[in-house]
Amino acid sequence: MNNQQNQLRTVLQALALPVTGQLRLYPNEACKVSRLIQEFEQFKPVFVAETAEDLTEAQKAVLASLHQDLMRVCLDHTCTDVALRRSEVWRHVRLLARSALLAFNWPLVLATQAEPVLA
């Protein structure tokens, strides 16, 4: 697995975690939601650009849907820990992240929960 695949996989795993796991990922950060979105938006385009010819339509579609929902989170101002816990949009983001992991045949859990996503 190359570096871009590994980075996107780790971000998707973080987005797929239950809310309690997401909140524990960045205990010292004020805006955990922004961090999750930033990491996806940082790694997805690089991954897609490098693997575009190899991606299936289903893989492209789930990544695009996840991007749309994350942008909706920003527009709807649901970038809070409370929203992370209660928002229907965030529940859908978690489901889409799980679907993306399955589409790529990647595991649903992080290799180590303590491992930060960004180096």
Protein backbone atom coordinates (compact mmCIF):
# COMPACT_ATOMS: atom_id res chain seq x y z
CA MET A 1 0.00 0.00 0.00
CA ASN A 2 1.49 3.35 -1.00
CA ASN A 3 1.57 6.43 1.21
CA GLN A 4 -1.50 8.09 -0.36
CA GLN A 5 -3.55 4.92 0.07
CA ASN A 6 -2.41 4.60 3.67
CA GLN A 7 -3.25 8.23 4.46
CA LEU A 8 -6.71 8.08 2.89
CA ARG A 9 -7.43 4.74 4.55
CA THR A 10 -6.50 6.17 7.95
CA VAL A 11 -8.70 9.23 7.42
CA LEU A 12 -11.64 7.08 6.32
CA GLN A 13 -11.15 4.88 9.37
CA ALA A 14 -11.22 7.98 11.60
CA LEU A 15 -14.39 9.22 9.89
CA ALA A 16 -15.99 5.79 10.31
CA LEU A 17 -15.33 5.57 14.03
CA PRO A 18 -18.20 5.92 16.47
CA VAL A 19 -18.42 9.43 17.89
CA THR A 20 -16.66 8.47 21.12
CA GLY A 21 -13.69 7.22 19.13
CA GLN A 22 -13.65 10.37 17.00
CA LEU A 23 -13.64 12.59 20.08
CA ARG A 24 -10.71 10.64 21.56
CA LEU A 25 -8.61 10.97 18.40
CA TYR A 26 -7.63 14.56 19.10
CA PRO A 27 -8.09 15.14 22.83
CA ASN A 28 -6.13 18.41 22.86
CA GLU A 29 -7.75 20.02 19.82
CA ALA A 30 -10.56 22.54 20.15
CA CYS A 31 -12.19 21.65 16.82
CA LYS A 32 -11.97 17.94 16.15
CA VAL A 33 -14.51 18.21 13.33
CA SER A 34 -12.36 20.65 11.37
CA ARG A 35 -9.38 18.34 11.75
CA LEU A 36 -11.32 15.35 10.38
CA ILE A 37 -12.58 17.36 7.41
CA GLN A 38 -9.17 18.92 6.75
CA GLU A 39 -7.48 15.53 6.64
CA PHE A 40 -10.01 14.06 4.22
CA GLU A 41 -9.81 17.12 1.97
CA GLN A 42 -6.02 16.99 2.06
CA PHE A 43 -5.56 13.33 1.18
CA LYS A 44 -8.53 12.48 -1.07
CA PRO A 45 -7.52 14.63 -4.09
CA VAL A 46 -3.96 13.31 -4.08
CA PHE A 47 -5.16 9.72 -3.83
CA VAL A 48 -7.75 10.16 -6.59
CA ALA A 49 -5.25 11.91 -8.88
CA GLU A 50 -2.74 9.09 -8.50
CA THR A 51 -5.21 6.22 -8.81
CA ALA A 52 -7.93 7.66 -11.08
CA GLU A 53 -7.47 5.01 -13.77
CA ASP A 54 -7.74 2.18 -11.24
CA LEU A 55 -10.78 3.42 -9.29
CA THR A 56 -14.14 1.81 -9.88
CA GLU A 57 -17.24 3.94 -10.40
CA ALA A 58 -18.49 2.81 -6.98
CA GLN A 59 -15.26 3.94 -5.32
CA LYS A 60 -15.39 7.31 -7.06
CA ALA A 61 -19.06 7.75 -6.14
CA VAL A 62 -18.63 7.01 -2.45
CA LEU A 63 -15.65 9.38 -2.17
CA ALA A 64 -17.64 12.10 -3.98
CA SER A 65 -20.65 11.57 -1.70
CA LEU A 66 -18.44 11.75 1.36
CA HIS A 67 -16.89 14.98 0.07
CA GLN A 68 -20.37 16.47 -0.47
CA ASP A 69 -21.52 15.56 3.03
CA LEU A 70 -18.37 17.01 4.60
CA MET A 71 -18.90 20.24 2.68
CA ARG A 72 -22.49 20.25 3.93
CA VAL A 73 -21.15 19.96 7.49
CA CYS A 74 -19.17 23.15 6.89
CA LEU A 75 -22.07 25.01 5.27
CA ASP A 76 -24.58 23.90 7.92
CA HIS A 77 -22.24 24.99 10.70
CA THR A 78 -22.24 21.54 12.23
CA CYS A 79 -18.53 21.75 12.98
CA THR A 80 -18.89 21.24 16.73
CA ASP A 81 -18.42 18.35 19.11
CA VAL A 82 -22.16 18.51 19.89
CA ALA A 83 -22.98 18.21 16.19
CA LEU A 84 -20.49 15.37 15.88
CA ARG A 85 -22.51 13.57 18.56
CA ARG A 86 -26.05 14.41 17.38
CA SER A 87 -26.12 15.46 13.75
CA GLU A 88 -27.83 13.29 11.14
CA VAL A 89 -25.25 14.55 8.64
CA TRP A 90 -22.45 13.14 10.81
CA ARG A 91 -24.24 9.81 11.12
CA HIS A 92 -24.40 9.73 7.33
CA VAL A 93 -20.71 10.69 7.07
CA ARG A 94 -19.82 7.73 9.30
CA LEU A 95 -21.89 5.38 7.12
CA LEU A 96 -20.31 6.72 3.94
CA ALA A 97 -16.82 6.36 5.40
CA ARG A 98 -17.59 2.73 6.26
CA SER A 99 -18.94 2.20 2.75
CA ALA A 100 -15.76 3.69 1.28
CA LEU A 101 -13.58 1.41 3.39
CA LEU A 102 -15.59 -1.58 2.21
CA ALA A 103 -15.38 -0.41 -1.42
CA PHE A 104 -11.59 -0.42 -1.15
CA ASN A 105 -11.48 -3.66 0.91
CA TRP A 106 -9.78 -1.79 3.75
CA PRO A 107 -10.30 -2.63 7.43
CA LEU A 108 -12.87 -0.63 9.38
CA VAL A 109 -10.66 0.03 12.41
CA LEU A 110 -7.53 2.11 12.81
CA ALA A 111 -4.32 0.13 13.18
CA THR A 112 -3.72 1.95 16.47
CA GLN A 113 -6.26 4.31 17.98
CA ALA A 114 -3.48 6.50 19.41
CA GLU A 115 -1.84 7.06 16.03
CA PRO A 116 -2.43 10.59 14.71
CA VAL A 117 -3.74 10.75 11.17
CA LEU A 118 -1.44 13.56 10.04
CA ALA A 119 2.29 13.18 10.46
